[in-house]
C-alpha atoms as a PDB file:
ATOM      1  CA  MET A   1      11.848  13.311 -17.007  1.00  0.00           C
ATOM      2  CA  GLN A   2       8.405  13.773 -15.564  1.00  0.00           C
ATOM      3  CA  LEU A   3       7.014  10.358 -16.638  1.00  0.00           C
ATOM      4  CA  GLY A   4       5.530   9.769 -13.182  1.00  0.00           C
ATOM      5  CA  ASN A   5       4.884   6.320 -11.766  1.00  0.00           C
ATOM      6  CA  ILE A   6       3.145   4.712 -14.811  1.00  0.00           C
ATOM      7  CA  GLY A   7       3.930   5.591 -18.453  1.00  0.00           C
ATOM      8  CA  THR A   8       1.635   3.693 -20.752  1.00  0.00           C
ATOM      9  CA  ALA A   9       3.009   2.435 -24.006  1.00  0.00           C
ATOM     10  CA  MET A  10      -0.139   3.283 -25.961  1.00  0.00           C
ATOM     11  CA  VAL A  11      -1.656   1.047 -28.720  1.00  0.00           C
ATOM     12  CA  THR A  12      -2.541   2.602 -31.995  1.00  0.00           C
ATOM     13  CA  PRO A  13      -6.253   2.154 -32.736  1.00  0.00           C
ATOM     14  CA  PHE A  14      -6.968   1.056 -36.282  1.00  0.00           C
ATOM     15  CA  PHE A  15     -10.088   1.021 -38.649  1.00  0.00           C
ATOM     16  CA  PRO A  16     -10.744  -2.457 -40.071  1.00  0.00           C
ATOM     17  CA  ASP A  17      -8.888  -1.517 -43.189  1.00  0.00           C
ATOM     18  CA  GLY A  18      -5.703  -0.835 -41.105  1.00  0.00           C
ATOM     19  CA  THR A  19      -5.661   3.013 -41.054  1.00  0.00           C
ATOM     20  CA  ILE A  20      -5.383   4.961 -37.845  1.00  0.00           C
ATOM     21  CA  ASP A  21      -8.669   5.509 -36.133  1.00  0.00           C
ATOM     22  CA  TYR A  22      -8.275   9.023 -34.723  1.00  0.00           C
ATOM     23  CA  GLU A  23     -11.841   9.231 -33.093  1.00  0.00           C
ATOM     24  CA  GLN A  24     -11.045   6.117 -31.076  1.00  0.00           C
ATOM     25  CA  THR A  25      -7.495   7.402 -30.311  1.00  0.00           C
ATOM     26  CA  ALA A  26      -9.045  10.397 -28.633  1.00  0.00           C
ATOM     27  CA  LYS A  27     -11.349   8.062 -26.755  1.00  0.00           C
ATOM     28  CA  LEU A  28      -8.553   5.969 -25.628  1.00  0.00           C
ATOM     29  CA  LEU A  29      -6.419   8.974 -24.457  1.00  0.00           C
ATOM     30  CA  GLU A  30      -9.308  10.074 -22.248  1.00  0.00           C
ATOM     31  CA  HIS A  31      -9.650   6.475 -20.780  1.00  0.00           C
ATOM     32  CA  LEU A  32      -5.899   6.335 -19.994  1.00  0.00           C
ATOM     33  CA  ILE A  33      -5.929   9.655 -18.355  1.00  0.00           C
ATOM     34  CA  ALA A  34      -8.743   8.741 -16.144  1.00  0.00           C
ATOM     35  CA  ASN A  35      -7.427   5.340 -15.322  1.00  0.00           C
ATOM     36  CA  GLY A  36      -3.896   5.620 -13.834  1.00  0.00           C
ATOM     37  CA  THR A  37      -1.565   6.889 -16.637  1.00  0.00           C
ATOM     38  CA  ASP A  38       0.810   9.605 -15.681  1.00  0.00           C
ATOM     39  CA  SER A  39       2.314   9.929 -19.134  1.00  0.00           C
ATOM     40  CA  VAL A  40       1.849   8.241 -22.623  1.00  0.00           C
ATOM     41  CA  ILE A  41       4.430   6.963 -25.108  1.00  0.00           C
ATOM     42  CA  VAL A  42       3.311   7.195 -28.648  1.00  0.00           C
ATOM     43  CA  SER A  43       4.556   4.904 -31.499  1.00  0.00           C
ATOM     44  CA  GLY A  44       6.387   2.498 -29.330  1.00  0.00           C
ATOM     45  CA  THR A  45       6.367  -1.261 -29.916  1.00  0.00           C
ATOM     46  CA  THR A  46       3.006  -1.536 -28.357  1.00  0.00           C
ATOM     47  CA  GLY A  47       1.886   1.158 -30.867  1.00  0.00           C
ATOM     48  CA  GLU A  48       2.961  -1.145 -33.617  1.00  0.00           C
ATOM     49  CA  SER A  49       5.759   1.259 -34.666  1.00  0.00           C
ATOM     50  CA  PRO A  50       7.429  -1.272 -37.057  1.00  0.00           C
ATOM     51  CA  THR A  51       4.445  -1.084 -39.214  1.00  0.00           C
ATOM     52  CA  LEU A  52       3.722   2.733 -38.960  1.00  0.00           C
ATOM     53  CA  THR A  53       5.115   4.843 -41.644  1.00  0.00           C
ATOM     54  CA  ALA A  54       7.292   7.911 -40.696  1.00  0.00           C
ATOM     55  CA  GLU A  55       4.328  10.164 -41.855  1.00  0.00           C
ATOM     56  CA  GLU A  56       1.859   8.219 -39.717  1.00  0.00           C
ATOM     57  CA  LYS A  57       4.036   8.487 -36.782  1.00  0.00           C
ATOM     58  CA  LYS A  58       4.304  12.364 -37.314  1.00  0.00           C
ATOM     59  CA  GLU A  59       0.618  12.771 -37.882  1.00  0.00           C
ATOM     60  CA  LEU A  60      -0.372  10.439 -34.835  1.00  0.00           C
ATOM     61  CA  LEU A  61       2.010  12.396 -32.533  1.00  0.00           C
ATOM     62  CA  ASP A  62       0.576  15.787 -33.708  1.00  0.00           C
ATOM     63  CA  PHE A  63      -2.969  14.458 -32.932  1.00  0.00           C
ATOM     64  CA  VAL A  64      -1.947  12.970 -29.422  1.00  0.00           C
ATOM     65  CA  VAL A  65      -0.126  16.232 -28.323  1.00  0.00           C
ATOM     66  CA  LYS A  66      -3.134  18.460 -29.484  1.00  0.00           C
ATOM     67  CA  THR A  67      -5.567  16.030 -27.824  1.00  0.00           C
ATOM     68  CA  VAL A  68      -3.744  15.702 -24.520  1.00  0.00           C
ATOM     69  CA  ASN A  69      -3.312  19.497 -24.328  1.00  0.00           C
ATOM     70  CA  LYS A  70      -0.568  19.341 -21.696  1.00  0.00           C
ATOM     71  CA  ARG A  71      -2.644  17.356 -19.277  1.00  0.00           C
ATOM     72  CA  ILE A  72       0.020  14.559 -19.040  1.00  0.00           C
ATOM     73  CA  PRO A  73       3.456  14.326 -20.680  1.00  0.00           C
ATOM     74  CA  VAL A  74       3.480  12.856 -24.234  1.00  0.00           C
ATOM     75  CA  ILE A  75       6.602  10.944 -25.299  1.00  0.00           C
ATOM     76  CA  ALA A  76       7.331  10.176 -28.907  1.00  0.00           C
ATOM     77  CA  GLY A  77       8.982   6.802 -29.962  1.00  0.00           C
ATOM     78  CA  THR A  78      11.415   8.165 -32.436  1.00  0.00           C
ATOM     79  CA  GLY A  79      13.970   5.417 -32.256  1.00  0.00           C
ATOM     80  CA  THR A  80      14.644   3.092 -35.181  1.00  0.00           C
ATOM     81  CA  ASN A  81      17.598   1.024 -36.349  1.00  0.00           C
ATOM     82  CA  ASN A  82      18.536   4.027 -38.702  1.00  0.00           C
ATOM     83  CA  THR A  83      20.343   6.880 -36.980  1.00  0.00           C
ATOM     84  CA  ALA A  84      19.661   9.431 -39.578  1.00  0.00           C
ATOM     85  CA  GLU A  85      15.770   8.433 -39.710  1.00  0.00           C
ATOM     86  CA  SER A  86      15.785   8.674 -35.973  1.00  0.00           C
ATOM     87  CA  MET A  87      17.183  12.160 -35.990  1.00  0.00           C
ATOM     88  CA  GLU A  88      14.552  13.390 -38.405  1.00  0.00           C
ATOM     89  CA  LEU A  89      11.761  11.749 -36.341  1.00  0.00           C
ATOM     90  CA  THR A  90      13.245  13.317 -33.315  1.00  0.00           C
ATOM     91  CA  LYS A  91      13.392  16.884 -34.880  1.00  0.00           C
ATOM     92  CA  ALA A  92       9.641  16.387 -35.939  1.00  0.00           C
ATOM     93  CA  ALA A  93       8.729  15.371 -32.382  1.00  0.00           C
ATOM     94  CA  GLU A  94      10.315  18.398 -30.931  1.00  0.00           C
ATOM     95  CA  LEU A  95       8.344  20.549 -33.444  1.00  0.00           C
ATOM     96  CA  SER A  96       5.131  18.807 -32.610  1.00  0.00           C
ATOM     97  CA  GLY A  97       5.269  19.728 -28.913  1.00  0.00           C
ATOM     98  CA  ALA A  98       6.123  16.392 -27.546  1.00  0.00           C
ATOM     99  CA  ASP A  99       7.552  16.398 -23.993  1.00  0.00           C
ATOM    100  CA  GLY A 100      10.374  13.758 -24.568  1.00  0.00           C
ATOM    101  CA  ILE A 101      11.589  11.054 -26.768  1.00  0.00           C
ATOM    102  CA  MET A 102      11.970   7.430 -26.485  1.00  0.00           C
ATOM    103  CA  LEU A 103      14.953   5.576 -28.376  1.00  0.00           C
ATOM    104  CA  VAL A 104      14.973   1.886 -28.750  1.00  0.00           C
ATOM    105  CA  THR A 105      18.079  -0.125 -29.070  1.00  0.00           C
ATOM    106  CA  PRO A 106      18.852  -0.549 -32.776  1.00  0.00           C
ATOM    107  CA  TYR A 107      17.352  -3.900 -34.091  1.00  0.00           C
ATOM    108  CA  TYR A 108      18.588  -6.306 -36.754  1.00  0.00           C
ATOM    109  CA  ASN A 109      21.891  -4.546 -37.487  1.00  0.00           C
ATOM    110  CA  LYS A 110      23.319  -5.646 -34.113  1.00  0.00           C
ATOM    111  CA  PRO A 111      25.698  -2.783 -33.177  1.00  0.00           C
ATOM    112  CA  ASP A 112      28.171  -3.237 -30.575  1.00  0.00           C
ATOM    113  CA  GLN A 113      28.329  -1.143 -27.233  1.00  0.00           C
ATOM    114  CA  LYS A 114      30.513   1.566 -29.118  1.00  0.00           C
ATOM    115  CA  GLY A 115      27.884   1.763 -31.881  1.00  0.00           C
ATOM    116  CA  MET A 116      24.882   2.063 -29.601  1.00  0.00           C
ATOM    117  CA  TYR A 117      26.592   4.841 -27.578  1.00  0.00           C
ATOM    118  CA  ALA A 118      27.428   6.757 -30.925  1.00  0.00           C
ATOM    119  CA  HIS A 119      23.812   6.021 -32.148  1.00  0.00           C
ATOM    120  CA  PHE A 120      22.094   7.403 -28.934  1.00  0.00           C
ATOM    121  CA  SER A 121      24.494  10.283 -28.505  1.00  0.00           C
ATOM    122  CA  LYS A 122      24.140  11.512 -32.024  1.00  0.00           C
ATOM    123  CA  ILE A 123      20.258  11.527 -31.831  1.00  0.00           C
ATOM    124  CA  ALA A 124      20.323  13.291 -28.463  1.00  0.00           C
ATOM    125  CA  GLY A 125      22.505  15.862 -29.758  1.00  0.00           C
ATOM    126  CA  VAL A 126      19.739  17.173 -32.221  1.00  0.00           C
ATOM    127  CA  THR A 127      17.166  17.926 -29.695  1.00  0.00           C
ATOM    128  CA  THR A 128      16.588  19.755 -26.391  1.00  0.00           C
ATOM    129  CA  LEU A 129      13.942  17.270 -25.406  1.00  0.00           C
ATOM    130  CA  PRO A 130      14.750  14.754 -22.570  1.00  0.00           C
ATOM    131  CA  VAL A 131      15.609  11.297 -23.804  1.00  0.00           C
ATOM    132  CA  LEU A 132      14.334   7.990 -22.568  1.00  0.00           C
ATOM    133  CA  LEU A 133      16.576   5.128 -23.636  1.00  0.00           C
ATOM    134  CA  TYR A 134      14.875   1.811 -24.261  1.00  0.00           C
ATOM    135  CA  ASN A 135      16.562  -1.585 -23.822  1.00  0.00           C
ATOM    136  CA  ILE A 136      14.758  -4.684 -25.060  1.00  0.00           C
ATOM    137  CA  PRO A 137      17.193  -7.481 -25.920  1.00  0.00           C
ATOM    138  CA  SER A 138      14.328  -9.981 -26.675  1.00  0.00           C
ATOM    139  CA  ARG A 139      13.335  -7.884 -29.716  1.00  0.00           C
ATOM    140  CA  SER A 140      16.415  -6.084 -30.767  1.00  0.00           C
ATOM    141  CA  ILE A 141      18.847  -8.867 -30.105  1.00  0.00           C
ATOM    142  CA  VAL A 142      21.463  -6.453 -28.693  1.00  0.00           C
ATOM    143  CA  ASN A 143      21.727  -5.599 -24.890  1.00  0.00           C
ATOM    144  CA  LEU A 144      22.537  -2.158 -23.912  1.00  0.00           C
ATOM    145  CA  LEU A 145      24.823  -2.815 -21.005  1.00  0.00           C
ATOM    146  CA  PRO A 146      24.920  -0.968 -17.650  1.00  0.00           C
ATOM    147  CA  GLU A 147      28.452   0.592 -18.330  1.00  0.00           C
ATOM    148  CA  THR A 148      27.004   2.132 -21.719  1.00  0.00           C
ATOM    149  CA  VAL A 149      23.816   3.368 -20.006  1.00  0.00           C
ATOM    150  CA  ILE A 150      25.999   4.962 -17.363  1.00  0.00           C
ATOM    151  CA  ALA A 151      28.118   6.760 -19.892  1.00  0.00           C
ATOM    152  CA  LEU A 152      25.000   7.816 -21.815  1.00  0.00           C
ATOM    153  CA  SER A 153      23.436   9.252 -18.519  1.00  0.00           C
ATOM    154  CA  LYS A 154      26.292  11.841 -18.466  1.00  0.00           C
ATOM    155  CA  ILE A 155      24.869  13.500 -21.652  1.00  0.00           C
ATOM    156  CA  ASP A 156      22.829  16.291 -20.276  1.00  0.00           C
ATOM    157  CA  ASN A 157      19.347  15.487 -22.030  1.00  0.00           C
ATOM    158  CA  ILE A 158      19.607  11.717 -21.471  1.00  0.00           C
ATOM    159  CA  LYS A 159      17.430  11.353 -18.451  1.00  0.00           C
ATOM    160  CA  ALA A 160      16.036   7.720 -18.075  1.00  0.00           C
ATOM    161  CA  VAL A 161      16.052   4.125 -19.312  1.00  0.00           C
ATOM    162  CA  LYS A 162      13.272   1.660 -19.860  1.00  0.00           C
ATOM    163  CA  GLU A 163      14.876  -1.497 -18.877  1.00  0.00           C
ATOM    164  CA  ALA A 164      13.224  -4.453 -20.427  1.00  0.00           C
ATOM    165  CA  SER A 165      15.997  -7.026 -20.207  1.00  0.00           C
ATOM    166  CA  GLY A 166      14.422  -8.705 -17.393  1.00  0.00           C
ATOM    167  CA  SER A 167      17.551  -8.449 -15.273  1.00  0.00           C
ATOM    168  CA  LEU A 168      17.065  -6.824 -11.877  1.00  0.00           C
ATOM    169  CA  GLU A 169      21.039  -7.106 -11.388  1.00  0.00           C
ATOM    170  CA  GLN A 170      21.531  -5.184 -14.553  1.00  0.00           C
ATOM    171  CA  MET A 171      18.892  -2.595 -13.376  1.00  0.00           C
ATOM    172  CA  ALA A 172      20.676  -2.286 -10.016  1.00  0.00           C
ATOM    173  CA  GLU A 173      23.864  -1.727 -11.520  1.00  0.00           C
ATOM    174  CA  ILE A 174      22.456   1.112 -13.682  1.00  0.00           C
ATOM    175  CA  ILE A 175      20.899   2.600 -10.444  1.00  0.00           C
ATOM    176  CA  GLU A 176      24.158   2.514  -8.748  1.00  0.00           C
ATOM    177  CA  GLY A 177      26.178   3.940 -11.355  1.00  0.00           C
ATOM    178  CA  THR A 178      23.932   6.969 -12.363  1.00  0.00           C
ATOM    179  CA  ALA A 179      23.193  10.299 -10.607  1.00  0.00           C
ATOM    180  CA  GLU A 180      20.191  10.536  -8.443  1.00  0.00           C
ATOM    181  CA  ASP A 181      18.123  12.272 -11.029  1.00  0.00           C
ATOM    182  CA  PHE A 182      18.478   9.513 -13.577  1.00  0.00           C
ATOM    183  CA  GLU A 183      15.404   7.359 -13.568  1.00  0.00           C
ATOM    184  CA  VAL A 184      15.153   3.651 -14.241  1.00  0.00           C
ATOM    185  CA  TYR A 185      11.821   2.274 -15.436  1.00  0.00           C
ATOM    186  CA  SER A 186      10.740  -1.350 -15.934  1.00  0.00           C
ATOM    187  CA  GLY A 187       9.767  -2.385 -19.304  1.00  0.00           C
ATOM    188  CA  ASP A 188       8.105  -5.420 -17.902  1.00  0.00           C
ATOM    189  CA  ASP A 189       4.944  -5.169 -15.892  1.00  0.00           C
ATOM    190  CA  SER A 190       5.657  -8.014 -13.582  1.00  0.00           C
ATOM    191  CA  LEU A 191       8.833  -6.374 -12.411  1.00  0.00           C
ATOM    192  CA  THR A 192       7.309  -3.072 -11.394  1.00  0.00           C
ATOM    193  CA  LEU A 193       7.319  -3.806  -7.658  1.00  0.00           C
ATOM    194  CA  PRO A 194      10.645  -5.709  -7.559  1.00  0.00           C
ATOM    195  CA  LEU A 195      12.355  -2.658  -9.383  1.00  0.00           C
ATOM    196  CA  LEU A 196      10.711  -0.229  -6.906  1.00  0.00           C
ATOM    197  CA  SER A 197      12.294  -2.260  -4.131  1.00  0.00           C
ATOM    198  CA  ILE A 198      15.868  -1.620  -5.439  1.00  0.00           C
ATOM    199  CA  GLY A 199      15.456   1.978  -6.163  1.00  0.00           C
ATOM    200  CA  GLY A 200      13.834   2.086  -9.565  1.00  0.00           C
ATOM    201  CA  ARG A 201      11.302   4.863 -10.504  1.00  0.00           C
ATOM    202  CA  GLY A 202       8.313   3.097 -12.124  1.00  0.00           C
ATOM    203  CA  ILE A 203       6.904   1.303 -15.097  1.00  0.00           C
ATOM    204  CA  ILE A 204       6.530   1.887 -18.868  1.00  0.00           C
ATOM    205  CA  SER A 205       3.442  -0.258 -19.024  1.00  0.00           C
ATOM    206  CA  VAL A 206       1.163  -2.220 -21.402  1.00  0.00           C
ATOM    207  CA  SER A 207      -1.202  -3.590 -18.883  1.00  0.00           C
ATOM    208  CA  SER A 208      -2.123  -0.179 -17.386  1.00  0.00           C
ATOM    209  CA  HIS A 209      -4.372   0.087 -20.406  1.00  0.00           C
ATOM    210  CA  VAL A 210      -6.633  -2.032 -18.373  1.00  0.00           C
ATOM    211  CA  VAL A 211      -5.397  -2.175 -14.793  1.00  0.00           C
ATOM    212  CA  GLY A 212      -3.810   1.151 -14.452  1.00  0.00           C
ATOM    213  CA  ASN A 213      -5.596   2.258 -11.341  1.00  0.00           C
ATOM    214  CA  GLU A 214      -4.657  -1.010  -9.478  1.00  0.00           C
ATOM    215  CA  MET A 215      -1.136  -0.668 -10.602  1.00  0.00           C
ATOM    216  CA  GLN A 216      -1.123   2.870  -9.155  1.00  0.00           C
ATOM    217  CA  GLN A 217      -2.499   1.565  -5.949  1.00  0.00           C
ATOM    218  CA  MET A 218       0.422  -0.933  -5.630  1.00  0.00           C
ATOM    219  CA  ILE A 219       3.121   1.770  -6.332  1.00  0.00           C
ATOM    220  CA  GLN A 220       1.505   4.164  -3.960  1.00  0.00           C
ATOM    221  CA  ALA A 221       1.161   1.472  -1.285  1.00  0.00           C
ATOM    222  CA  PHE A 222       4.969   0.864  -1.594  1.00  0.00           C
ATOM    223  CA  GLN A 223       5.798   4.441  -1.633  1.00  0.00           C
ATOM    224  CA  ASN A 224       3.799   4.930   1.539  1.00  0.00           C
ATOM    225  CA  GLY A 225       5.497   2.101   3.413  1.00  0.00           C
ATOM    226  CA  ARG A 226       2.392  -0.282   3.079  1.00  0.00           C
ATOM    227  CA  LEU A 227       4.633  -3.083   1.842  1.00  0.00           C
ATOM    228  CA  LYS A 228       2.293  -5.952   2.453  1.00  0.00           C
ATOM    229  CA  GLU A 229      -0.373  -4.234   0.730  1.00  0.00           C
ATOM    230  CA  ALA A 230       1.779  -3.563  -2.300  1.00  0.00           C
ATOM    231  CA  ALA A 231       2.936  -7.269  -2.283  1.00  0.00           C
ATOM    232  CA  ASP A 232      -0.796  -8.432  -2.260  1.00  0.00           C
ATOM    233  CA  ILE A 233      -1.661  -6.316  -5.164  1.00  0.00           C
ATOM    234  CA  HIS A 234       1.515  -7.312  -7.148  1.00  0.00           C
ATOM    235  CA  ARG A 235       0.501 -11.050  -6.706  1.00  0.00           C
ATOM    236  CA  SER A 236      -3.107 -10.530  -7.599  1.00  0.00           C
ATOM    237  CA  LEU A 237      -1.901  -8.675 -10.828  1.00  0.00           C
ATOM    238  CA  LEU A 238       0.691 -11.234 -11.982  1.00  0.00           C
ATOM    239  CA  PRO A 239      -1.966 -13.479 -13.698  1.00  0.00           C
ATOM    240  CA  VAL A 240      -3.251 -10.509 -15.596  1.00  0.00           C
ATOM    241  CA  PHE A 241       0.296  -9.497 -16.719  1.00  0.00           C
ATOM    242  CA  LYS A 242       1.033 -12.978 -18.016  1.00  0.00           C
ATOM    243  CA  ALA A 243      -2.311 -13.171 -19.862  1.00  0.00           C
ATOM    244  CA  LEU A 244      -1.682  -9.976 -21.534  1.00  0.00           C
ATOM    245  CA  PHE A 245       1.511 -11.267 -22.949  1.00  0.00           C
ATOM    246  CA  SER A 246       0.149 -14.750 -23.882  1.00  0.00           C
ATOM    247  CA  ALA A 247       0.109 -13.735 -27.576  1.00  0.00           C
ATOM    248  CA  PRO A 248       2.147 -11.239 -29.659  1.00  0.00           C
ATOM    249  CA  ASN A 249       1.641  -7.819 -28.132  1.00  0.00           C
ATOM    250  CA  PRO A 250      -0.595  -5.751 -28.658  1.00  0.00           C
ATOM    251  CA  ALA A 251      -3.192  -8.225 -29.720  1.00  0.00           C
ATOM    252  CA  PRO A 252      -3.933  -9.361 -26.178  1.00  0.00           C
ATOM    253  CA  VAL A 253      -4.163  -5.837 -24.773  1.00  0.00           C
ATOM    254  CA  LYS A 254      -6.371  -4.577 -27.698  1.00  0.00           C
ATOM    255  CA  TYR A 255      -8.720  -7.564 -26.895  1.00  0.00           C
ATOM    256  CA  ALA A 256      -8.693  -6.563 -23.275  1.00  0.00           C
ATOM    257  CA  LEU A 257      -9.429  -3.028 -24.184  1.00  0.00           C
ATOM    258  CA  LYS A 258     -12.489  -3.997 -26.149  1.00  0.00           C
ATOM    259  CA  ARG A 259     -13.807  -5.987 -23.156  1.00  0.00           C
ATOM    260  CA  ALA A 260     -13.485  -2.818 -21.258  1.00  0.00           C
ATOM    261  CA  GLY A 261     -15.488  -0.942 -23.681  1.00  0.00           C
ATOM    262  CA  VAL A 262     -12.532   0.904 -25.367  1.00  0.00           C
ATOM    263  CA  SER A 263     -12.350  -0.302 -29.061  1.00  0.00           C
ATOM    264  CA  ALA A 264      -8.851  -0.023 -30.569  1.00  0.00           C
ATOM    265  CA  GLY A 265      -9.582  -2.225 -33.512  1.00  0.00           C
ATOM    266  CA  GLY A 266      -7.214  -4.971 -34.642  1.00  0.00           C
ATOM    267  CA  VAL A 267      -3.570  -5.351 -35.421  1.00  0.00           C
ATOM    268  CA  ARG A 268      -1.681  -4.947 -38.631  1.00  0.00           C
ATOM    269  CA  LEU A 269       0.011  -7.880 -40.381  1.00  0.00           C
ATOM    270  CA  PRO A 270       2.359  -9.638 -39.692  1.00  0.00           C
ATOM    271  CA  LEU A 271       0.517  -9.719 -36.363  1.00  0.00           C
ATOM    272  CA  VAL A 272      -2.909 -11.455 -36.287  1.00  0.00           C
ATOM    273  CA  ALA A 273      -6.017 -11.363 -34.060  1.00  0.00           C
ATOM    274  CA  MET A 274      -5.975 -13.914 -31.261  1.00  0.00           C
ATOM    275  CA  ASP A 275      -8.224 -17.083 -31.651  1.00  0.00           C
ATOM    276  CA  ALA A 276     -10.984 -18.113 -29.267  1.00  0.00           C
ATOM    277  CA  ASP A 277      -8.679 -20.275 -27.153  1.00  0.00           C
ATOM    278  CA  GLU A 278      -6.226 -17.364 -26.658  1.00  0.00           C
ATOM    279  CA  ALA A 279      -9.041 -14.969 -25.959  1.00  0.00           C
ATOM    280  CA  SER A 280     -10.521 -17.269 -23.234  1.00  0.00           C
ATOM    281  CA  LEU A 281      -7.123 -16.900 -21.439  1.00  0.00           C
ATOM    282  CA  ILE A 282      -7.597 -13.047 -21.229  1.00  0.00           C
ATOM    283  CA  ASP A 283     -11.315 -13.475 -20.143  1.00  0.00           C
ATOM    284  CA  ALA A 284     -10.436 -15.891 -17.412  1.00  0.00           C
ATOM    285  CA  ALA A 285      -7.436 -13.877 -16.037  1.00  0.00           C
ATOM    286  CA  LEU A 286      -9.476 -10.555 -15.929  1.00  0.00           C
ATOM    287  CA  GLU A 287     -12.662 -12.251 -14.464  1.00  0.00           C
ATOM    288  CA  ASN A 288     -10.602 -14.004 -11.718  1.00  0.00           C
ATOM    289  CA  PHE A 289      -8.785 -10.719 -11.010  1.00  0.00           C
ATOM    290  CA  HIS A 290     -12.018  -8.659 -10.709  1.00  0.00           C
ATOM    291  CA  LYS A 291     -13.723 -11.423  -8.665  1.00  0.00           C
ATOM    292  CA  LYS A 292     -10.807 -11.446  -6.382  1.00  0.00           C
ATOM    293  CA  THR A 293     -10.470  -7.736  -5.786  1.00  0.00           C
ATOM    294  CA  GLY A 294     -14.029  -6.853  -5.956  1.00  0.00           C
ATOM    295  CA  ASN A 295     -13.720  -4.591  -8.969  1.00  0.00           C
ATOM    296  CA  VAL A 296     -16.521  -4.808 -11.720  1.00  0.00           C
END
């Protein structure tokens, strides 16, 4: 699917009034491209997709596709818990020039495995774009089981899964049961290296907004057989990963971006900005990491 080692689940920059800040979106994209991002996912959970209207999603995707200008792949988050709406968003994404789509497991309405198979296969059928499935039981309540992923992988344009179940056993079962060219990505930054070790492809990351280069170094060290170096980097990154999920995503990573000189604004309700104590956890984790690694 050409996602590379690291696909960044991009935050959506907002003005103080909550509207999308396209100037800062452009600056953010340049920052990501320069700092370890191989592909970008637009309007995912980290992009606050639950509070973006369908029109905002389309306009944002059009802007990102035009700004990126084929330098890296752009994947559109078009999945919702409404199959018909997801189909319309998917068609619009193809028209916009997106390089692929990401489809999250339907949330709130709790379909069974047969329902999820029907949902994903129906959406995949209206596009020629490659499809990245997205399993995140902690948010959607339903768990897309390995046998369902394996069955869906037989559909020509379903090419990969972002696995955020936290279960390496489940990921291994998918890897074992799918073709060589079907790719399994972690949806948890802290499981990037463990997933690589069992045959996974990479990470759809939040933390890559601020430590993308270091994550690339870890992945490349592993791929080149420098296992101790990869493990050392993994352990040094773990406190950063933990801090960046110490409050509801994406408030922590937006704060961390601001610290790095890349303003992405605040978050939309019902999310709220972090308080001083929560922000201090981010500060401490990043300062300790940079001190330990010698990075500024």
